[in-house]
Structure formats: structure tokens, C-alpha cells
Amino acid sequence: MKPLNYAILKHFTEVEEASADNVIEALKGEYGNFRALKKKAVINALMTAEANGLIEETRFELDESGELVVYYHAHEDGAATINKYIKD
């Protein structure tokens, strides 16, 4: 099993785009008991990955409760870097 942050990054090489909620939903089967698989921690991981140039923001919207939802994707260079360092 990969470390959770690796799994989060790797997820972006497998999908067109995702939000923090999408990541949590996708990883909860394998990582559901991890304390760090909470929305605040996942958002922090996504913002760190964006700051490091691995993913970029694609769009944002307000959900039905008025909370901001930000979507990200791994651009070509980011996906190549993720796949270079994080093997399946």
C-alpha cells in the first residue's frame, strides 16, 4: 500500500479531474481508516501538489450548501513527474 499522499497524487493520473471530495470517495475503500483522509487534510495535500506544479486548478463551483469546491487535474508534465516517482 502506498502512502496516502502518493495515492492522492497517483489518483490524478487516472482521472480527468477531481475535487477533494472525489479523491476521498475514490480512496476510502483502501484508505478509509486513515486519519488523514479527511477533507481538510486532502485539500491541504492538493494545494501542496498545486504549489509544487504537479496538478493545476481546472474549475471551481459552489455546492448545494454554498461551500466552494475546487477541481484539479494533472497536466501532462505533472502526470509524467508523478508517474516517474510513484510506481504502481
N, C-alpha and C. Protein backbone atom coordinates (compact mmCIF):
# COMPACT_ATOMS: atom_id res chain seq x y z
N MET A 1 0.84 -1.17 0.00
CA MET A 1 0.00 0.00 0.00
C MET A 1 0.89 1.24 0.00
N LYS A 2 0.58 2.17 -0.90
CA LYS A 2 1.33 3.42 -0.99
C LYS A 2 0.97 4.34 0.18
N PRO A 3 1.86 5.27 0.52
CA PRO A 3 1.47 6.32 1.47
C PRO A 3 0.28 7.10 0.90
N LEU A 4 -0.56 7.62 1.76
CA LEU A 4 -1.78 8.30 1.33
C LEU A 4 -1.50 9.45 0.37
N ASN A 5 -0.52 10.27 0.65
CA ASN A 5 -0.24 11.39 -0.26
C ASN A 5 0.17 10.91 -1.64
N TYR A 6 0.88 9.80 -1.71
CA TYR A 6 1.22 9.21 -3.01
C TYR A 6 -0.04 8.75 -3.74
N ALA A 7 -0.94 8.12 -3.00
CA ALA A 7 -2.19 7.64 -3.61
C ALA A 7 -3.02 8.81 -4.12
N ILE A 8 -3.02 9.91 -3.38
CA ILE A 8 -3.75 11.10 -3.82
C ILE A 8 -3.18 11.60 -5.14
N LEU A 9 -1.87 11.74 -5.21
CA LEU A 9 -1.24 12.19 -6.45
C LEU A 9 -1.49 11.23 -7.59
N LYS A 10 -1.32 9.95 -7.33
CA LYS A 10 -1.50 8.94 -8.37
C LYS A 10 -2.93 8.95 -8.92
N HIS A 11 -3.89 9.26 -8.06
CA HIS A 11 -5.29 9.34 -8.49
C HIS A 11 -5.45 10.33 -9.64
N PHE A 12 -4.71 11.41 -9.60
CA PHE A 12 -4.84 12.43 -10.64
C PHE A 12 -4.25 12.00 -11.99
N THR A 13 -3.50 10.93 -12.00
CA THR A 13 -3.01 10.39 -13.28
C THR A 13 -4.02 9.42 -13.88
N GLU A 14 -5.07 9.12 -13.13
CA GLU A 14 -6.07 8.14 -13.57
C GLU A 14 -7.42 8.75 -13.90
N VAL A 15 -7.61 10.04 -13.60
CA VAL A 15 -8.89 10.70 -13.84
C VAL A 15 -8.67 12.00 -14.61
N GLU A 16 -9.73 12.47 -15.25
CA GLU A 16 -9.66 13.74 -15.98
C GLU A 16 -9.50 14.91 -15.03
N GLU A 17 -10.30 14.93 -13.97
CA GLU A 17 -10.22 15.95 -12.93
C GLU A 17 -10.89 15.42 -11.68
N ALA A 18 -10.59 16.06 -10.55
CA ALA A 18 -11.20 15.62 -9.29
C ALA A 18 -11.13 16.74 -8.26
N SER A 19 -12.08 16.69 -7.35
CA SER A 19 -12.10 17.60 -6.20
C SER A 19 -11.64 16.81 -4.97
N ALA A 20 -11.50 17.48 -3.85
CA ALA A 20 -11.14 16.79 -2.61
C ALA A 20 -12.16 15.71 -2.27
N ASP A 21 -13.44 16.03 -2.44
CA ASP A 21 -14.49 15.04 -2.16
C ASP A 21 -14.38 13.83 -3.09
N ASN A 22 -14.07 14.08 -4.37
CA ASN A 22 -13.88 12.97 -5.31
C ASN A 22 -12.72 12.08 -4.90
N VAL A 23 -11.64 12.69 -4.46
CA VAL A 23 -10.45 11.93 -4.02
C VAL A 23 -10.81 11.07 -2.81
N ILE A 24 -11.48 11.67 -1.84
CA ILE A 24 -11.88 10.93 -0.63
C ILE A 24 -12.75 9.75 -1.00
N GLU A 25 -13.73 9.97 -1.86
CA GLU A 25 -14.64 8.90 -2.28
C GLU A 25 -13.87 7.78 -2.99
N ALA A 26 -12.92 8.16 -3.86
CA ALA A 26 -12.16 7.16 -4.62
C ALA A 26 -11.23 6.34 -3.73
N LEU A 27 -10.69 6.95 -2.68
CA LEU A 27 -9.68 6.27 -1.87
C LEU A 27 -10.22 5.68 -0.58
N LYS A 28 -11.48 5.93 -0.24
CA LYS A 28 -11.97 5.49 1.07
C LYS A 28 -12.02 3.97 1.21
N GLY A 29 -12.12 3.23 0.13
CA GLY A 29 -12.11 1.78 0.22
C GLY A 29 -10.80 1.25 0.80
N GLU A 30 -9.70 1.78 0.32
CA GLU A 30 -8.38 1.32 0.76
C GLU A 30 -7.82 2.12 1.93
N TYR A 31 -8.17 3.42 2.00
CA TYR A 31 -7.56 4.30 2.99
C TYR A 31 -8.59 4.86 3.98
N GLY A 32 -9.79 4.31 4.01
CA GLY A 32 -10.87 4.83 4.83
C GLY A 32 -10.57 4.94 6.31
N ASN A 33 -9.68 4.11 6.82
CA ASN A 33 -9.35 4.17 8.24
C ASN A 33 -8.19 5.11 8.55
N PHE A 34 -7.64 5.78 7.54
CA PHE A 34 -6.54 6.73 7.75
C PHE A 34 -7.11 8.04 8.30
N ARG A 35 -6.51 8.52 9.34
CA ARG A 35 -6.94 9.77 9.95
C ARG A 35 -6.79 10.95 9.00
N ALA A 36 -5.83 10.89 8.09
CA ALA A 36 -5.56 12.00 7.17
C ALA A 36 -6.50 12.01 5.96
N LEU A 37 -7.37 11.02 5.83
CA LEU A 37 -8.32 11.03 4.71
C LEU A 37 -9.57 11.82 5.12
N LYS A 38 -9.34 13.04 5.53
CA LYS A 38 -10.38 13.98 5.88
C LYS A 38 -10.27 15.16 4.92
N LYS A 39 -11.38 15.83 4.71
CA LYS A 39 -11.42 16.87 3.69
C LYS A 39 -10.34 17.94 3.87
N LYS A 40 -10.17 18.44 5.08
CA LYS A 40 -9.18 19.49 5.31
C LYS A 40 -7.77 19.02 4.95
N ALA A 41 -7.42 17.80 5.33
CA ALA A 41 -6.09 17.27 5.04
C ALA A 41 -5.91 17.01 3.55
N VAL A 42 -6.95 16.53 2.88
CA VAL A 42 -6.86 16.29 1.44
C VAL A 42 -6.73 17.61 0.69
N ILE A 43 -7.49 18.62 1.09
CA ILE A 43 -7.36 19.95 0.46
C ILE A 43 -5.95 20.47 0.63
N ASN A 44 -5.38 20.29 1.81
CA ASN A 44 -4.00 20.71 2.06
C ASN A 44 -3.03 19.98 1.13
N ALA A 45 -3.23 18.68 0.96
CA ALA A 45 -2.37 17.90 0.06
C ALA A 45 -2.51 18.38 -1.38
N LEU A 46 -3.73 18.70 -1.80
CA LEU A 46 -3.95 19.17 -3.17
C LEU A 46 -3.32 20.54 -3.39
N MET A 47 -3.45 21.41 -2.41
CA MET A 47 -2.84 22.74 -2.54
C MET A 47 -1.31 22.65 -2.57
N THR A 48 -0.75 21.71 -1.82
CA THR A 48 0.70 21.49 -1.84
C THR A 48 1.14 20.97 -3.20
N ALA A 49 0.38 20.01 -3.73
CA ALA A 49 0.70 19.47 -5.06
C ALA A 49 0.60 20.55 -6.13
N GLU A 50 -0.39 21.43 -5.99
CA GLU A 50 -0.51 22.54 -6.95
C GLU A 50 0.68 23.49 -6.82
N ALA A 51 1.05 23.83 -5.60
CA ALA A 51 2.19 24.73 -5.38
C ALA A 51 3.48 24.14 -5.93
N ASN A 52 3.58 22.82 -5.93
CA ASN A 52 4.77 22.13 -6.46
C ASN A 52 4.68 21.85 -7.95
N GLY A 53 3.61 22.31 -8.60
CA GLY A 53 3.49 22.20 -10.05
C GLY A 53 3.08 20.84 -10.56
N LEU A 54 2.55 19.97 -9.70
CA LEU A 54 2.16 18.63 -10.15
C LEU A 54 0.73 18.58 -10.67
N ILE A 55 -0.14 19.40 -10.11
CA ILE A 55 -1.52 19.48 -10.57
C ILE A 55 -1.88 20.96 -10.71
N GLU A 56 -2.99 21.22 -11.41
CA GLU A 56 -3.44 22.60 -11.54
C GLU A 56 -4.95 22.65 -11.42
N GLU A 57 -5.42 23.81 -11.01
CA GLU A 57 -6.85 24.04 -10.85
C GLU A 57 -7.51 24.07 -12.22
N THR A 58 -8.65 23.39 -12.36
CA THR A 58 -9.36 23.41 -13.63
C THR A 58 -10.63 24.23 -13.57
N ARG A 59 -11.33 24.17 -12.44
CA ARG A 59 -12.56 24.94 -12.30
C ARG A 59 -12.97 24.93 -10.83
N PHE A 60 -13.95 25.74 -10.52
CA PHE A 60 -14.50 25.75 -9.17
C PHE A 60 -15.97 26.08 -9.24
N GLU A 61 -16.70 25.68 -8.21
CA GLU A 61 -18.13 25.91 -8.14
C GLU A 61 -18.56 25.89 -6.68
N LEU A 62 -19.76 26.33 -6.43
CA LEU A 62 -20.34 26.24 -5.10
C LEU A 62 -21.24 25.01 -5.06
N ASP A 63 -21.12 24.22 -3.99
CA ASP A 63 -22.01 23.08 -3.86
C ASP A 63 -23.35 23.54 -3.30
N GLU A 64 -24.26 22.59 -3.09
CA GLU A 64 -25.61 22.94 -2.65
C GLU A 64 -25.65 23.59 -1.27
N SER A 65 -24.61 23.42 -0.48
CA SER A 65 -24.56 24.06 0.83
C SER A 65 -23.77 25.37 0.81
N GLY A 66 -23.37 25.81 -0.38
CA GLY A 66 -22.65 27.07 -0.52
C GLY A 66 -21.15 26.98 -0.28
N GLU A 67 -20.63 25.77 -0.19
CA GLU A 67 -19.20 25.57 0.03
C GLU A 67 -18.47 25.53 -1.30
N LEU A 68 -17.31 26.17 -1.35
CA LEU A 68 -16.50 26.19 -2.56
C LEU A 68 -15.91 24.81 -2.83
N VAL A 69 -16.05 24.34 -4.05
CA VAL A 69 -15.48 23.07 -4.48
C VAL A 69 -14.50 23.37 -5.62
N VAL A 70 -13.24 23.03 -5.42
CA VAL A 70 -12.20 23.28 -6.41
C VAL A 70 -11.82 21.96 -7.07
N TYR A 71 -11.75 21.97 -8.39
CA TYR A 71 -11.36 20.78 -9.15
C TYR A 71 -9.95 20.98 -9.70
N TYR A 72 -9.19 19.90 -9.71
CA TYR A 72 -7.81 19.91 -10.19
C TYR A 72 -7.62 18.80 -11.22
N HIS A 73 -6.57 18.94 -12.01
CA HIS A 73 -6.14 17.84 -12.87
C HIS A 73 -4.62 17.86 -12.96
N ALA A 74 -4.07 16.71 -13.31
CA ALA A 74 -2.63 16.61 -13.53
C ALA A 74 -2.36 16.91 -15.00
N HIS A 75 -1.67 18.02 -15.26
CA HIS A 75 -1.31 18.34 -16.63
C HIS A 75 -0.25 17.35 -17.10
N GLU A 76 0.10 17.41 -18.36
CA GLU A 76 0.99 16.40 -18.96
C GLU A 76 2.32 16.27 -18.21
N ASP A 77 2.97 17.38 -17.93
CA ASP A 77 4.26 17.32 -17.22
C ASP A 77 4.09 16.84 -15.78
N GLY A 78 3.02 17.30 -15.13
CA GLY A 78 2.77 16.87 -13.75
C GLY A 78 2.51 15.37 -13.68
N ALA A 79 1.69 14.87 -14.59
CA ALA A 79 1.40 13.43 -14.62
C ALA A 79 2.67 12.63 -14.90
N ALA A 80 3.50 13.12 -15.80
CA ALA A 80 4.76 12.42 -16.10
C ALA A 80 5.67 12.38 -14.87
N THR A 81 5.73 13.48 -14.13
CA THR A 81 6.55 13.52 -12.92
C THR A 81 6.00 12.58 -11.86
N ILE A 82 4.69 12.61 -11.66
CA ILE A 82 4.06 11.71 -10.68
C ILE A 82 4.34 10.26 -11.04
N ASN A 83 4.15 9.91 -12.31
CA ASN A 83 4.37 8.52 -12.74
C ASN A 83 5.83 8.12 -12.68
N LYS A 84 6.73 9.08 -12.85
CA LYS A 84 8.17 8.78 -12.77
C LYS A 84 8.58 8.38 -11.36
N TYR A 85 8.03 9.06 -10.37
CA TYR A 85 8.45 8.84 -8.99
C TYR A 85 7.54 7.92 -8.18
N ILE A 86 6.29 7.76 -8.61
CA ILE A 86 5.36 6.90 -7.89
C ILE A 86 4.93 5.79 -8.83
N LYS A 87 5.46 4.64 -8.61
CA LYS A 87 5.16 3.48 -9.46
C LYS A 87 3.89 2.78 -8.96
N ASP A 88 3.22 2.09 -9.87
CA ASP A 88 2.01 1.34 -9.49
C ASP A 88 2.35 0.14 -8.65
